[in-house]
Amino acid sequence: MNSMRKKSLFETNRHLKGSAKYRISLLTNVSSSTAIETGDKVQSVAKKITVPKGSMFQVSRPKGK
């Protein structure tokens, strides 16, 4: 029996590992999908789901936006 745990796609795909681009893309994807479902604006949804430091959705926003 093999006791080794299979690694998830997030753990093995180099494009997903700790990538700020991945996190921004994920936030955009979730925000736009939620906006379509709820009728809210994408930016409004993104603000609501962006949470404190340490979260998967932690995103640095450009100043003044």
PDB file of N, CA and C in Angstrom:
ATOM      1  N   MET A   1       0.842  -1.184   0.000  1.00  0.00           N
ATOM      2  CA  MET A   1       0.000   0.000   0.000  1.00  0.00           C
ATOM      3  C   MET A   1       0.891   1.253   0.000  1.00  0.00           C
ATOM      4  N   ASN A   2       0.550   2.205  -0.805  1.00  0.00           N
ATOM      5  CA  ASN A   2       1.317   3.437  -0.903  1.00  0.00           C
ATOM      6  C   ASN A   2       0.699   4.480   0.022  1.00  0.00           C
ATOM      7  N   SER A   3       1.461   4.918   1.011  1.00  0.00           N
ATOM      8  CA  SER A   3       0.921   5.878   1.986  1.00  0.00           C
ATOM      9  C   SER A   3       1.201   7.328   1.603  1.00  0.00           C
ATOM     10  N   MET A   4       1.789   7.538   0.419  1.00  0.00           N
ATOM     11  CA  MET A   4       2.075   8.919   0.000  1.00  0.00           C
ATOM     12  C   MET A   4       0.787   9.616  -0.426  1.00  0.00           C
ATOM     13  N   ARG A   5       0.642  10.810   0.048  1.00  0.00           N
ATOM     14  CA  ARG A   5      -0.531  11.614  -0.276  1.00  0.00           C
ATOM     15  C   ARG A   5      -0.327  12.260  -1.643  1.00  0.00           C
ATOM     16  N   LYS A   6      -1.370  12.262  -2.461  1.00  0.00           N
ATOM     17  CA  LYS A   6      -1.288  12.939  -3.751  1.00  0.00           C
ATOM     18  C   LYS A   6      -1.331  14.439  -3.522  1.00  0.00           C
ATOM     19  N   LYS A   7      -0.514  15.161  -4.252  1.00  0.00           N
ATOM     20  CA  LYS A   7      -0.511  16.616  -4.139  1.00  0.00           C
ATOM     21  C   LYS A   7      -1.627  17.189  -5.003  1.00  0.00           C
ATOM     22  N   SER A   8      -2.202  18.286  -4.518  1.00  0.00           N
ATOM     23  CA  SER A   8      -3.271  18.938  -5.259  1.00  0.00           C
ATOM     24  C   SER A   8      -2.694  19.697  -6.447  1.00  0.00           C
ATOM     25  N   LEU A   9      -3.557  20.075  -7.357  1.00  0.00           N
ATOM     26  CA  LEU A   9      -3.146  20.871  -8.504  1.00  0.00           C
ATOM     27  C   LEU A   9      -2.515  22.175  -8.055  1.00  0.00           C
ATOM     28  N   PHE A  10      -3.076  22.783  -7.012  1.00  0.00           N
ATOM     29  CA  PHE A  10      -2.537  24.033  -6.473  1.00  0.00           C
ATOM     30  C   PHE A  10      -1.100  23.847  -5.995  1.00  0.00           C
ATOM     31  N   GLU A  11      -0.786  22.692  -5.459  1.00  0.00           N
ATOM     32  CA  GLU A  11       0.556  22.410  -4.952  1.00  0.00           C
ATOM     33  C   GLU A  11       1.555  22.062  -6.055  1.00  0.00           C
ATOM     34  N   THR A  12       1.078  21.524  -7.172  1.00  0.00           N
ATOM     35  CA  THR A  12       1.984  21.051  -8.212  1.00  0.00           C
ATOM     36  C   THR A  12       2.096  21.957  -9.427  1.00  0.00           C
ATOM     37  N   ASN A  13       1.109  22.768  -9.695  1.00  0.00           N
ATOM     38  CA  ASN A  13       1.130  23.631 -10.870  1.00  0.00           C
ATOM     39  C   ASN A  13       1.927  24.889 -10.570  1.00  0.00           C
ATOM     40  N   ARG A  14       3.025  25.092 -11.275  1.00  0.00           N
ATOM     41  CA  ARG A  14       3.900  26.242 -10.997  1.00  0.00           C
ATOM     42  C   ARG A  14       3.215  27.578 -11.249  1.00  0.00           C
ATOM     43  N   HIS A  15       2.183  27.583 -12.072  1.00  0.00           N
ATOM     44  CA  HIS A  15       1.467  28.829 -12.355  1.00  0.00           C
ATOM     45  C   HIS A  15       0.535  29.232 -11.212  1.00  0.00           C
ATOM     46  N   LEU A  16       0.237  28.311 -10.334  1.00  0.00           N
ATOM     47  CA  LEU A  16      -0.679  28.589  -9.224  1.00  0.00           C
ATOM     48  C   LEU A  16       0.038  28.838  -7.907  1.00  0.00           C
ATOM     49  N   LYS A  17       1.258  28.359  -7.774  1.00  0.00           N
ATOM     50  CA  LYS A  17       1.995  28.444  -6.513  1.00  0.00           C
ATOM     51  C   LYS A  17       2.274  29.886  -6.098  1.00  0.00           C
ATOM     52  N   GLY A  18       1.628  30.352  -5.059  1.00  0.00           N
ATOM     53  CA  GLY A  18       1.907  31.654  -4.464  1.00  0.00           C
ATOM     54  C   GLY A  18       1.942  32.817  -5.423  1.00  0.00           C
ATOM     55  N   SER A  19       1.303  32.674  -6.525  1.00  0.00           N
ATOM     56  CA  SER A  19       1.360  33.687  -7.563  1.00  0.00           C
ATOM     57  C   SER A  19       0.348  34.802  -7.317  1.00  0.00           C
ATOM     58  N   ALA A  20       0.844  36.030  -7.285  1.00  0.00           N
ATOM     59  CA  ALA A  20      -0.056  37.184  -7.131  1.00  0.00           C
ATOM     60  C   ALA A  20      -0.984  37.260  -8.335  1.00  0.00           C
ATOM     61  N   LYS A  21      -0.482  36.902  -9.513  1.00  0.00           N
ATOM     62  CA  LYS A  21      -1.305  36.921 -10.725  1.00  0.00           C
ATOM     63  C   LYS A  21      -2.465  35.931 -10.593  1.00  0.00           C
ATOM     64  N   TYR A  22      -2.178  34.755 -10.045  1.00  0.00           N
ATOM     65  CA  TYR A  22      -3.234  33.761  -9.833  1.00  0.00           C
ATOM     66  C   TYR A  22      -4.293  34.283  -8.879  1.00  0.00           C
ATOM     67  N   ARG A  23      -3.858  34.899  -7.790  1.00  0.00           N
ATOM     68  CA  ARG A  23      -4.795  35.407  -6.795  1.00  0.00           C
ATOM     69  C   ARG A  23      -5.671  36.510  -7.377  1.00  0.00           C
ATOM     70  N   ILE A  24      -5.077  37.391  -8.159  1.00  0.00           N
ATOM     71  CA  ILE A  24      -5.845  38.468  -8.785  1.00  0.00           C
ATOM     72  C   ILE A  24      -6.835  37.885  -9.786  1.00  0.00           C
ATOM     73  N   SER A  25      -6.390  36.897 -10.558  1.00  0.00           N
ATOM     74  CA  SER A  25      -7.284  36.254 -11.530  1.00  0.00           C
ATOM     75  C   SER A  25      -8.441  35.545 -10.835  1.00  0.00           C
ATOM     76  N   LEU A  26      -8.140  34.881  -9.733  1.00  0.00           N
ATOM     77  CA  LEU A  26      -9.188  34.194  -8.973  1.00  0.00           C
ATOM     78  C   LEU A  26     -10.195  35.193  -8.420  1.00  0.00           C
ATOM     79  N   LEU A  27      -9.717  36.285  -7.862  1.00  0.00           N
ATOM     80  CA  LEU A  27     -10.605  37.321  -7.334  1.00  0.00           C
ATOM     81  C   LEU A  27     -11.482  37.886  -8.449  1.00  0.00           C
ATOM     82  N   THR A  28     -10.878  38.147  -9.615  1.00  0.00           N
ATOM     83  CA  THR A  28     -11.633  38.674 -10.748  1.00  0.00           C
ATOM     84  C   THR A  28     -12.698  37.693 -11.197  1.00  0.00           C
ATOM     85  N   ASN A  29     -12.325  36.431 -11.285  1.00  0.00           N
ATOM     86  CA  ASN A  29     -13.258  35.395 -11.719  1.00  0.00           C
ATOM     87  C   ASN A  29     -14.439  35.264 -10.761  1.00  0.00           C
ATOM     88  N   VAL A  30     -14.140  35.165  -9.480  1.00  0.00           N
ATOM     89  CA  VAL A  30     -15.204  35.014  -8.475  1.00  0.00           C
ATOM     90  C   VAL A  30     -16.078  36.266  -8.432  1.00  0.00           C
ATOM     91  N   SER A  31     -15.451  37.436  -8.512  1.00  0.00           N
ATOM     92  CA  SER A  31     -16.195  38.696  -8.466  1.00  0.00           C
ATOM     93  C   SER A  31     -17.132  38.838  -9.655  1.00  0.00           C
ATOM     94  N   SER A  32     -16.624  38.534 -10.853  1.00  0.00           N
ATOM     95  CA  SER A  32     -17.467  38.696 -12.038  1.00  0.00           C
ATOM     96  C   SER A  32     -18.607  37.685 -12.059  1.00  0.00           C
ATOM     97  N   SER A  33     -18.327  36.457 -11.656  1.00  0.00           N
ATOM     98  CA  SER A  33     -19.387  35.444 -11.602  1.00  0.00           C
ATOM     99  C   SER A  33     -20.465  35.829 -10.587  1.00  0.00           C
ATOM    100  N   THR A  34     -20.030  36.296  -9.430  1.00  0.00           N
ATOM    101  CA  THR A  34     -20.975  36.713  -8.388  1.00  0.00           C
ATOM    102  C   THR A  34     -21.773  37.927  -8.844  1.00  0.00           C
ATOM    103  N   ALA A  35     -21.113  38.857  -9.521  1.00  0.00           N
ATOM    104  CA  ALA A  35     -21.807  40.055 -10.018  1.00  0.00           C
ATOM    105  C   ALA A  35     -22.893  39.681 -11.015  1.00  0.00           C
ATOM    106  N   ILE A  36     -22.613  38.724 -11.878  1.00  0.00           N
ATOM    107  CA  ILE A  36     -23.622  38.269 -12.841  1.00  0.00           C
ATOM    108  C   ILE A  36     -24.827  37.683 -12.112  1.00  0.00           C
ATOM    109  N   GLU A  37     -24.550  36.881 -11.094  1.00  0.00           N
ATOM    110  CA  GLU A  37     -25.632  36.225 -10.349  1.00  0.00           C
ATOM    111  C   GLU A  37     -26.445  37.194  -9.497  1.00  0.00           C
ATOM    112  N   THR A  38     -25.792  38.212  -8.939  1.00  0.00           N
ATOM    113  CA  THR A  38     -26.461  39.109  -7.994  1.00  0.00           C
ATOM    114  C   THR A  38     -26.912  40.428  -8.596  1.00  0.00           C
ATOM    115  N   GLY A  39     -26.337  40.791  -9.753  1.00  0.00           N
ATOM    116  CA  GLY A  39     -26.673  42.074 -10.355  1.00  0.00           C
ATOM    117  C   GLY A  39     -25.857  43.231  -9.798  1.00  0.00           C
ATOM    118  N   ASP A  40     -24.937  42.954  -8.879  1.00  0.00           N
ATOM    119  CA  ASP A  40     -24.053  43.995  -8.342  1.00  0.00           C
ATOM    120  C   ASP A  40     -22.942  44.294  -9.337  1.00  0.00           C
ATOM    121  N   LYS A  41     -22.212  45.382  -9.091  1.00  0.00           N
ATOM    122  CA  LYS A  41     -21.053  45.705  -9.909  1.00  0.00           C
ATOM    123  C   LYS A  41     -19.877  44.838  -9.469  1.00  0.00           C
ATOM    124  N   VAL A  42     -19.010  44.489 -10.417  1.00  0.00           N
ATOM    125  CA  VAL A  42     -17.859  43.630 -10.136  1.00  0.00           C
ATOM    126  C   VAL A  42     -16.978  44.242  -9.047  1.00  0.00           C
ATOM    127  N   GLN A  43     -16.718  45.551  -9.139  1.00  0.00           N
ATOM    128  CA  GLN A  43     -15.859  46.206  -8.148  1.00  0.00           C
ATOM    129  C   GLN A  43     -16.462  46.138  -6.753  1.00  0.00           C
ATOM    130  N   SER A  44     -17.768  46.264  -6.675  1.00  0.00           N
ATOM    131  CA  SER A  44     -18.456  46.199  -5.386  1.00  0.00           C
ATOM    132  C   SER A  44     -18.312  44.801  -4.772  1.00  0.00           C
ATOM    133  N   VAL A  45     -18.485  43.791  -5.587  1.00  0.00           N
ATOM    134  CA  VAL A  45     -18.352  42.417  -5.113  1.00  0.00           C
ATOM    135  C   VAL A  45     -16.914  42.155  -4.677  1.00  0.00           C
ATOM    136  N   ALA A  46     -15.941  42.606  -5.464  1.00  0.00           N
ATOM    137  CA  ALA A  46     -14.528  42.395  -5.141  1.00  0.00           C
ATOM    138  C   ALA A  46     -14.183  43.010  -3.801  1.00  0.00           C
ATOM    139  N   LYS A  47     -14.716  44.205  -3.522  1.00  0.00           N
ATOM    140  CA  LYS A  47     -14.463  44.854  -2.230  1.00  0.00           C
ATOM    141  C   LYS A  47     -15.021  44.023  -1.089  1.00  0.00           C
ATOM    142  N   LYS A  48     -16.199  43.449  -1.298  1.00  0.00           N
ATOM    143  CA  LYS A  48     -16.853  42.667  -0.247  1.00  0.00           C
ATOM    144  C   LYS A  48     -16.112  41.360   0.056  1.00  0.00           C
ATOM    145  N   ILE A  49     -15.525  40.741  -0.970  1.00  0.00           N
ATOM    146  CA  ILE A  49     -14.899  39.440  -0.733  1.00  0.00           C
ATOM    147  C   ILE A  49     -13.407  39.527  -0.477  1.00  0.00           C
ATOM    148  N   THR A  50     -12.802  40.690  -0.618  1.00  0.00           N
ATOM    149  CA  THR A  50     -11.391  40.844  -0.294  1.00  0.00           C
ATOM    150  C   THR A  50     -11.296  40.968   1.219  1.00  0.00           C
ATOM    151  N   VAL A  51     -10.549  40.060   1.821  1.00  0.00           N
ATOM    152  CA  VAL A  51     -10.475  39.984   3.280  1.00  0.00           C
ATOM    153  C   VAL A  51      -9.068  40.257   3.782  1.00  0.00           C
ATOM    154  N   PRO A  52      -8.879  40.330   5.098  1.00  0.00           N
ATOM    155  CA  PRO A  52      -7.603  40.708   5.690  1.00  0.00           C
ATOM    156  C   PRO A  52      -6.406  39.865   5.253  1.00  0.00           C
ATOM    157  N   LYS A  53      -5.240  40.403   5.547  1.00  0.00           N
ATOM    158  CA  LYS A  53      -3.955  39.775   5.220  1.00  0.00           C
ATOM    159  C   LYS A  53      -3.928  38.303   5.628  1.00  0.00           C
ATOM    160  N   GLY A  54      -3.311  37.500   4.784  1.00  0.00           N
ATOM    161  CA  GLY A  54      -3.207  36.078   5.065  1.00  0.00           C
ATOM    162  C   GLY A  54      -4.257  35.257   4.345  1.00  0.00           C
ATOM    163  N   SER A  55      -5.192  35.911   3.706  1.00  0.00           N
ATOM    164  CA  SER A  55      -6.257  35.219   3.003  1.00  0.00           C
ATOM    165  C   SER A  55      -5.846  34.894   1.575  1.00  0.00           C
ATOM    166  N   MET A  56      -6.479  33.921   0.996  1.00  0.00           N
ATOM    167  CA  MET A  56      -6.248  33.611  -0.408  1.00  0.00           C
ATOM    168  C   MET A  56      -6.601  34.803  -1.288  1.00  0.00           C
ATOM    169  N   PHE A  57      -7.545  35.616  -0.858  1.00  0.00           N
ATOM    170  CA  PHE A  57      -7.993  36.737  -1.669  1.00  0.00           C
ATOM    171  C   PHE A  57      -7.280  38.040  -1.336  1.00  0.00           C
ATOM    172  N   GLN A  58      -6.202  37.977  -0.602  1.00  0.00           N
ATOM    173  CA  GLN A  58      -5.454  39.196  -0.293  1.00  0.00           C
ATOM    174  C   GLN A  58      -4.884  39.749  -1.594  1.00  0.00           C
ATOM    175  N   VAL A  59      -5.260  40.967  -1.932  1.00  0.00           N
ATOM    176  CA  VAL A  59      -4.824  41.584  -3.178  1.00  0.00           C
ATOM    177  C   VAL A  59      -4.358  42.994  -2.885  1.00  0.00           C
ATOM    178  N   SER A  60      -3.220  43.367  -3.436  1.00  0.00           N
ATOM    179  CA  SER A  60      -2.757  44.739  -3.310  1.00  0.00           C
ATOM    180  C   SER A  60      -3.428  45.562  -4.389  1.00  0.00           C
ATOM    181  N   ARG A  61      -4.170  46.540  -3.966  1.00  0.00           N
ATOM    182  CA  ARG A  61      -4.858  47.389  -4.921  1.00  0.00           C
ATOM    183  C   ARG A  61      -4.007  48.604  -5.226  1.00  0.00           C
ATOM    184  N   PRO A  62      -4.040  49.060  -6.485  1.00  0.00           N
ATOM    185  CA  PRO A  62      -3.311  50.285  -6.809  1.00  0.00           C
ATOM    186  C   PRO A  62      -3.847  51.461  -6.000  1.00  0.00           C
ATOM    187  N   LYS A  63      -2.954  52.352  -5.574  1.00  0.00           N
ATOM    188  CA  LYS A  63      -3.374  53.513  -4.789  1.00  0.00           C
ATOM    189  C   LYS A  63      -4.280  54.403  -5.621  1.00  0.00           C
ATOM    190  N   GLY A  64      -5.288  54.961  -4.958  1.00  0.00           N
ATOM    191  CA  GLY A  64      -6.210  55.868  -5.622  1.00  0.00           C
ATOM    192  C   GLY A  64      -7.370  55.190  -6.302  1.00  0.00           C
ATOM    193  N   LYS A  65      -7.483  53.875  -6.145  1.00  0.00           N
ATOM    194  CA  LYS A  65      -8.600  53.165  -6.787  1.00  0.00           C
ATOM    195  C   LYS A  65      -9.464  52.501  -5.755  1.00  0.00           C
TER     196      LYS A  65
END
